[in-house]
Amino acid sequence: MANFGGGISNLIVLIMICSSIHGVPAAIYTVGDSSGWSMGGGYGSWANDKTFTVGDTLVFNYASGHTVDEVSSNDYKTCTAGNAITTDSSGATTITLNTAGPHYFICGIPSHCGSGMKLTVNVVAASGGDSSSRTTTSPPSTTAAPPLTTDFPPSTSISPAPTTGGSQHLTRPSSSAVLFTPKVAVLFTISIVVLKSFL
């Protein structure tokens, strides 16, 4: 007869590991697509047809003389940059959306926000389901996207984006590509271990 004591504890550990693995990568959105972050950008209409999820990334590409400031709702409405939550002026800013809810971005240079350099995105909590229908609308790029991670700190982070000049683009994997995610691989391994314990 099989000894189930060690096998059950191993099974419990494997199930805990499996539940912490995420299978669908986050999307990368290039703000303004090929036009980038500039005055008169019309970013409200750019964001309207997109669903932003916790873990997704915004890439702002812009010329010198501009900034990307994440601000409060009130500062967004009044185009006030003095109290920015985060700010960057590198010309290529990458922001990972780490929390659900509205996020507000403006250019902190006087009069630029009033000339259209402002963006609000509503971020929804990530779900465990297949998000293969979500895609970005940026044109294809020959540059590699930055590495994706599923370990996100609780606040929004900003870091310079790759400076290759091309737009970044990430399409959610098709449902057939999602079929063999890390979570599925762990579940498959668990099934094999359980079957072996009975044989």
C-alpha atoms as a PDB file:
ATOM      1  CA  MET A   1       0.000   0.000   0.000  1.00  0.00           C
ATOM      2  CA  ALA A   2       1.177   3.555  -0.740  1.00  0.00           C
ATOM      3  CA  ASN A   3       2.346   5.933   1.983  1.00  0.00           C
ATOM      4  CA  PHE A   4       0.242   9.093   1.671  1.00  0.00           C
ATOM      5  CA  GLY A   5       1.696  11.193   4.542  1.00  0.00           C
ATOM      6  CA  GLY A   6       4.621  12.775   2.651  1.00  0.00           C
ATOM      7  CA  GLY A   7       2.714  12.946  -0.618  1.00  0.00           C
ATOM      8  CA  ILE A   8      -0.141  15.005   0.837  1.00  0.00           C
ATOM      9  CA  SER A   9       2.225  17.580   2.389  1.00  0.00           C
ATOM     10  CA  ASN A  10       4.069  17.882  -0.926  1.00  0.00           C
ATOM     11  CA  LEU A  11       0.743  18.261  -2.698  1.00  0.00           C
ATOM     12  CA  ILE A  12      -0.306  21.085  -0.348  1.00  0.00           C
ATOM     13  CA  VAL A  13       3.002  22.913  -0.944  1.00  0.00           C
ATOM     14  CA  LEU A  14       2.634  22.524  -4.722  1.00  0.00           C
ATOM     15  CA  ILE A  15      -0.931  23.859  -4.620  1.00  0.00           C
ATOM     16  CA  MET A  16       0.238  26.919  -2.647  1.00  0.00           C
ATOM     17  CA  ILE A  17       3.003  27.576  -5.186  1.00  0.00           C
ATOM     18  CA  CYS A  18       0.574  27.121  -8.061  1.00  0.00           C
ATOM     19  CA  SER A  19      -1.899  29.643  -6.666  1.00  0.00           C
ATOM     20  CA  SER A  20       0.792  32.342  -6.566  1.00  0.00           C
ATOM     21  CA  ILE A  21       1.801  32.005 -10.246  1.00  0.00           C
ATOM     22  CA  HIS A  22       0.225  34.370 -12.786  1.00  0.00           C
ATOM     23  CA  GLY A  23      -0.213  33.070 -16.318  1.00  0.00           C
ATOM     24  CA  VAL A  24      -1.041  36.111 -18.471  1.00  0.00           C
ATOM     25  CA  PRO A  25       1.575  38.846 -18.872  1.00  0.00           C
ATOM     26  CA  ALA A  26       0.786  42.510 -18.415  1.00  0.00           C
ATOM     27  CA  ALA A  27       0.199  44.743 -21.434  1.00  0.00           C
ATOM     28  CA  ILE A  28       2.496  47.587 -22.469  1.00  0.00           C
ATOM     29  CA  TYR A  29       0.817  50.705 -23.858  1.00  0.00           C
ATOM     30  CA  THR A  30       2.734  53.427 -25.693  1.00  0.00           C
ATOM     31  CA  VAL A  31       0.897  56.628 -24.756  1.00  0.00           C
ATOM     32  CA  GLY A  32      -0.262  58.421 -27.905  1.00  0.00           C
ATOM     33  CA  ASP A  33       0.943  55.483 -30.025  1.00  0.00           C
ATOM     34  CA  SER A  34       3.397  56.735 -32.679  1.00  0.00           C
ATOM     35  CA  SER A  35       2.631  60.417 -31.888  1.00  0.00           C
ATOM     36  CA  GLY A  36       3.959  60.019 -28.357  1.00  0.00           C
ATOM     37  CA  TRP A  37       3.457  62.454 -25.459  1.00  0.00           C
ATOM     38  CA  SER A  38       3.066  65.944 -26.939  1.00  0.00           C
ATOM     39  CA  MET A  39       0.898  69.067 -26.754  1.00  0.00           C
ATOM     40  CA  GLY A  40      -2.551  68.684 -28.300  1.00  0.00           C
ATOM     41  CA  GLY A  41      -2.302  64.910 -27.971  1.00  0.00           C
ATOM     42  CA  GLY A  42      -5.998  64.108 -27.401  1.00  0.00           C
ATOM     43  CA  TYR A  43      -5.168  61.461 -24.818  1.00  0.00           C
ATOM     44  CA  GLY A  44      -8.750  61.121 -23.572  1.00  0.00           C
ATOM     45  CA  SER A  45      -9.809  59.524 -26.842  1.00  0.00           C
ATOM     46  CA  TRP A  46      -6.573  57.474 -26.927  1.00  0.00           C
ATOM     47  CA  ALA A  47      -7.373  55.908 -23.533  1.00  0.00           C
ATOM     48  CA  ASN A  48     -11.138  55.462 -24.063  1.00  0.00           C
ATOM     49  CA  ASP A  49     -10.938  52.172 -25.980  1.00  0.00           C
ATOM     50  CA  LYS A  50      -8.440  50.543 -23.625  1.00  0.00           C
ATOM     51  CA  THR A  51      -8.858  48.555 -20.436  1.00  0.00           C
ATOM     52  CA  PHE A  52      -5.910  49.123 -18.120  1.00  0.00           C
ATOM     53  CA  THR A  53      -5.221  46.405 -15.561  1.00  0.00           C
ATOM     54  CA  VAL A  54      -2.971  46.370 -12.500  1.00  0.00           C
ATOM     55  CA  GLY A  55       0.476  45.370 -13.746  1.00  0.00           C
ATOM     56  CA  ASP A  56       0.118  47.013 -17.165  1.00  0.00           C
ATOM     57  CA  THR A  57       2.781  49.496 -18.234  1.00  0.00           C
ATOM     58  CA  LEU A  58       2.486  52.952 -19.795  1.00  0.00           C
ATOM     59  CA  VAL A  59       5.395  54.134 -21.956  1.00  0.00           C
ATOM     60  CA  PHE A  60       5.638  57.883 -22.530  1.00  0.00           C
ATOM     61  CA  ASN A  61       7.948  58.921 -25.406  1.00  0.00           C
ATOM     62  CA  TYR A  62       8.532  62.679 -25.711  1.00  0.00           C
ATOM     63  CA  ALA A  63      10.973  65.381 -26.772  1.00  0.00           C
ATOM     64  CA  SER A  64      13.101  67.357 -24.336  1.00  0.00           C
ATOM     65  CA  GLY A  65      11.288  70.219 -22.656  1.00  0.00           C
ATOM     66  CA  HIS A  66       8.452  68.016 -21.371  1.00  0.00           C
ATOM     67  CA  THR A  67       7.815  65.961 -18.240  1.00  0.00           C
ATOM     68  CA  VAL A  68       5.536  63.175 -17.082  1.00  0.00           C
ATOM     69  CA  ASP A  69       4.105  63.967 -13.663  1.00  0.00           C
ATOM     70  CA  GLU A  70       1.674  61.705 -11.853  1.00  0.00           C
ATOM     71  CA  VAL A  71      -0.629  63.991  -9.892  1.00  0.00           C
ATOM     72  CA  SER A  72      -3.767  63.963  -7.749  1.00  0.00           C
ATOM     73  CA  SER A  73      -7.240  64.384  -9.194  1.00  0.00           C
ATOM     74  CA  ASN A  74      -7.397  68.041  -8.081  1.00  0.00           C
ATOM     75  CA  ASP A  75      -3.966  68.847  -9.520  1.00  0.00           C
ATOM     76  CA  TYR A  76      -5.003  67.144 -12.770  1.00  0.00           C
ATOM     77  CA  LYS A  77      -8.140  69.298 -13.024  1.00  0.00           C
ATOM     78  CA  THR A  78      -6.188  72.506 -12.365  1.00  0.00           C
ATOM     79  CA  CYS A  79      -2.978  71.490 -14.222  1.00  0.00           C
ATOM     80  CA  THR A  80      -0.912  71.983 -11.054  1.00  0.00           C
ATOM     81  CA  ALA A  81       2.484  70.260 -11.135  1.00  0.00           C
ATOM     82  CA  GLY A  82       4.046  71.473  -7.859  1.00  0.00           C
ATOM     83  CA  ASN A  83       2.678  68.583  -5.806  1.00  0.00           C
ATOM     84  CA  ALA A  84       3.494  65.735  -8.212  1.00  0.00           C
ATOM     85  CA  ILE A  85       3.447  62.218  -6.780  1.00  0.00           C
ATOM     86  CA  THR A  86       6.192  61.253  -9.248  1.00  0.00           C
ATOM     87  CA  THR A  87       7.939  63.136 -12.033  1.00  0.00           C
ATOM     88  CA  ASP A  88      10.345  62.303 -14.867  1.00  0.00           C
ATOM     89  CA  SER A  89      11.845  64.284 -17.741  1.00  0.00           C
ATOM     90  CA  SER A  90      14.061  61.650 -19.393  1.00  0.00           C
ATOM     91  CA  GLY A  91      12.185  61.664 -22.711  1.00  0.00           C
ATOM     92  CA  ALA A  92      11.236  58.009 -22.307  1.00  0.00           C
ATOM     93  CA  THR A  93       9.269  57.273 -19.139  1.00  0.00           C
ATOM     94  CA  THR A  94       7.908  53.871 -18.186  1.00  0.00           C
ATOM     95  CA  ILE A  95       5.215  53.693 -15.533  1.00  0.00           C
ATOM     96  CA  THR A  96       3.930  50.402 -14.143  1.00  0.00           C
ATOM     97  CA  LEU A  97       0.331  50.678 -12.961  1.00  0.00           C
ATOM     98  CA  ASN A  98       0.522  48.913  -9.595  1.00  0.00           C
ATOM     99  CA  THR A  99      -2.775  49.968  -8.030  1.00  0.00           C
ATOM    100  CA  ALA A 100      -6.394  49.895  -9.151  1.00  0.00           C
ATOM    101  CA  GLY A 101      -8.299  53.149  -9.561  1.00  0.00           C
ATOM    102  CA  PRO A 102      -7.765  56.357 -11.501  1.00  0.00           C
ATOM    103  CA  HIS A 103      -4.236  57.558 -12.310  1.00  0.00           C
ATOM    104  CA  TYR A 104      -3.612  61.121 -13.494  1.00  0.00           C
ATOM    105  CA  PHE A 105      -0.662  62.305 -15.608  1.00  0.00           C
ATOM    106  CA  ILE A 106       0.262  65.773 -16.852  1.00  0.00           C
ATOM    107  CA  CYS A 107       3.228  67.570 -18.349  1.00  0.00           C
ATOM    108  CA  GLY A 108       4.570  69.801 -15.580  1.00  0.00           C
ATOM    109  CA  ILE A 109       5.875  72.518 -17.922  1.00  0.00           C
ATOM    110  CA  PRO A 110       3.706  75.670 -17.643  1.00  0.00           C
ATOM    111  CA  SER A 111       0.870  75.768 -20.223  1.00  0.00           C
ATOM    112  CA  HIS A 112       1.609  72.274 -21.614  1.00  0.00           C
ATOM    113  CA  CYS A 113      -1.089  70.550 -19.545  1.00  0.00           C
ATOM    114  CA  GLY A 114      -3.600  73.192 -20.681  1.00  0.00           C
ATOM    115  CA  SER A 115      -2.533  72.472 -24.274  1.00  0.00           C
ATOM    116  CA  GLY A 116      -3.541  68.816 -24.015  1.00  0.00           C
ATOM    117  CA  MET A 117      -0.619  67.082 -22.321  1.00  0.00           C
ATOM    118  CA  LYS A 118      -2.769  65.344 -19.738  1.00  0.00           C
ATOM    119  CA  LEU A 119      -3.976  61.779 -19.408  1.00  0.00           C
ATOM    120  CA  THR A 120      -6.217  59.937 -17.006  1.00  0.00           C
ATOM    121  CA  VAL A 121      -6.455  56.155 -16.957  1.00  0.00           C
ATOM    122  CA  ASN A 122      -8.753  54.017 -14.847  1.00  0.00           C
ATOM    123  CA  VAL A 123      -6.964  50.852 -13.740  1.00  0.00           C
ATOM    124  CA  VAL A 124      -8.947  47.744 -12.834  1.00  0.00           C
ATOM    125  CA  ALA A 125      -7.775  44.921 -10.589  1.00  0.00           C
ATOM    126  CA  ALA A 126      -6.154  41.997 -12.365  1.00  0.00           C
ATOM    127  CA  SER A 127      -8.286  38.893 -12.750  1.00  0.00           C
ATOM    128  CA  GLY A 128      -7.169  35.298 -13.005  1.00  0.00           C
ATOM    129  CA  GLY A 129      -9.046  34.748 -16.264  1.00  0.00           C
ATOM    130  CA  ASP A 130      -7.780  34.691 -19.834  1.00  0.00           C
ATOM    131  CA  SER A 131      -7.259  38.237 -21.098  1.00  0.00           C
ATOM    132  CA  SER A 132      -6.171  37.170 -24.557  1.00  0.00           C
ATOM    133  CA  SER A 133      -8.607  39.544 -26.229  1.00  0.00           C
ATOM    134  CA  ARG A 134      -6.833  42.619 -24.782  1.00  0.00           C
ATOM    135  CA  THR A 135      -4.264  44.101 -27.107  1.00  0.00           C
ATOM    136  CA  THR A 136      -2.473  47.384 -27.373  1.00  0.00           C
ATOM    137  CA  THR A 137      -2.953  49.569 -30.427  1.00  0.00           C
ATOM    138  CA  SER A 138       0.639  50.699 -30.841  1.00  0.00           C
ATOM    139  CA  PRO A 139       2.291  49.857 -34.158  1.00  0.00           C
ATOM    140  CA  PRO A 140       4.606  46.819 -34.194  1.00  0.00           C
ATOM    141  CA  SER A 141       8.165  47.392 -33.073  1.00  0.00           C
ATOM    142  CA  THR A 142      11.460  45.748 -33.836  1.00  0.00           C
ATOM    143  CA  THR A 143      12.730  46.435 -30.327  1.00  0.00           C
ATOM    144  CA  ALA A 144      12.240  44.047 -27.477  1.00  0.00           C
ATOM    145  CA  ALA A 145       9.863  45.030 -24.713  1.00  0.00           C
ATOM    146  CA  PRO A 146      11.308  45.415 -21.231  1.00  0.00           C
ATOM    147  CA  PRO A 147      11.176  42.268 -19.106  1.00  0.00           C
ATOM    148  CA  LEU A 148       7.793  41.607 -17.527  1.00  0.00           C
ATOM    149  CA  THR A 149       7.409  40.738 -13.886  1.00  0.00           C
ATOM    150  CA  THR A 150       4.532  39.518 -11.772  1.00  0.00           C
ATOM    151  CA  ASP A 151       5.993  40.822  -8.513  1.00  0.00           C
ATOM    152  CA  PHE A 152       4.774  44.394  -8.184  1.00  0.00           C
ATOM    153  CA  PRO A 153       5.347  46.809  -5.289  1.00  0.00           C
ATOM    154  CA  PRO A 154       2.212  48.507  -3.931  1.00  0.00           C
ATOM    155  CA  SER A 155       2.877  51.933  -5.481  1.00  0.00           C
ATOM    156  CA  THR A 156       3.370  53.259  -8.990  1.00  0.00           C
ATOM    157  CA  SER A 157       6.983  53.160 -10.134  1.00  0.00           C
ATOM    158  CA  ILE A 158       8.676  55.204 -12.835  1.00  0.00           C
ATOM    159  CA  SER A 159      11.843  54.294 -14.675  1.00  0.00           C
ATOM    160  CA  PRO A 160      13.343  55.357 -17.995  1.00  0.00           C
ATOM    161  CA  ALA A 161      12.115  53.372 -20.996  1.00  0.00           C
ATOM    162  CA  PRO A 162      14.459  51.924 -23.592  1.00  0.00           C
ATOM    163  CA  THR A 163      15.707  54.761 -25.802  1.00  0.00           C
ATOM    164  CA  THR A 164      15.595  52.928 -29.127  1.00  0.00           C
ATOM    165  CA  GLY A 165      13.056  55.365 -30.580  1.00  0.00           C
ATOM    166  CA  GLY A 166      10.553  52.703 -31.654  1.00  0.00           C
ATOM    167  CA  SER A 167       7.129  52.233 -30.135  1.00  0.00           C
ATOM    168  CA  GLN A 168       6.684  49.289 -27.840  1.00  0.00           C
ATOM    169  CA  HIS A 169       3.925  46.825 -28.483  1.00  0.00           C
ATOM    170  CA  LEU A 170       2.663  43.807 -26.607  1.00  0.00           C
ATOM    171  CA  THR A 171      -0.246  41.690 -27.649  1.00  0.00           C
ATOM    172  CA  ARG A 172      -1.819  39.355 -25.174  1.00  0.00           C
ATOM    173  CA  PRO A 173      -1.032  35.765 -26.107  1.00  0.00           C
ATOM    174  CA  SER A 174      -3.685  33.852 -28.002  1.00  0.00           C
ATOM    175  CA  SER A 175      -5.784  31.381 -26.037  1.00  0.00           C
ATOM    176  CA  SER A 176      -3.694  28.523 -27.433  1.00  0.00           C
ATOM    177  CA  ALA A 177      -0.500  30.211 -26.184  1.00  0.00           C
ATOM    178  CA  VAL A 178      -2.056  30.655 -22.737  1.00  0.00           C
ATOM    179  CA  LEU A 179      -2.890  26.941 -22.665  1.00  0.00           C
ATOM    180  CA  PHE A 180       0.525  26.062 -21.251  1.00  0.00           C
ATOM    181  CA  THR A 181       1.158  28.808 -18.707  1.00  0.00           C
ATOM    182  CA  PRO A 182       3.357  28.277 -15.625  1.00  0.00           C
ATOM    183  CA  LYS A 183       0.206  27.653 -13.600  1.00  0.00           C
ATOM    184  CA  VAL A 184      -0.892  24.903 -16.013  1.00  0.00           C
ATOM    185  CA  ALA A 185       2.611  23.382 -15.877  1.00  0.00           C
ATOM    186  CA  VAL A 186       2.480  23.225 -12.073  1.00  0.00           C
ATOM    187  CA  LEU A 187      -1.016  21.712 -12.136  1.00  0.00           C
ATOM    188  CA  PHE A 188       0.185  19.140 -14.662  1.00  0.00           C
ATOM    189  CA  THR A 189       3.131  18.282 -12.395  1.00  0.00           C
ATOM    190  CA  ILE A 190       0.814  17.954  -9.387  1.00  0.00           C
ATOM    191  CA  SER A 191      -1.394  15.577 -11.360  1.00  0.00           C
ATOM    192  CA  ILE A 192       1.601  13.401 -12.256  1.00  0.00           C
ATOM    193  CA  VAL A 193       2.770  13.319  -8.591  1.00  0.00           C
ATOM    194  CA  VAL A 194      -0.712  12.363  -7.370  1.00  0.00           C
ATOM    195  CA  LEU A 195      -1.060   9.647 -10.025  1.00  0.00           C
ATOM    196  CA  LYS A 196       2.364   8.202  -9.165  1.00  0.00           C
ATOM    197  CA  SER A 197       1.439   8.059  -5.487  1.00  0.00           C
ATOM    198  CA  PHE A 198      -1.498   5.779  -6.346  1.00  0.00           C
ATOM    199  CA  LEU A 199       0.482   3.507  -8.672  1.00  0.00           C
END
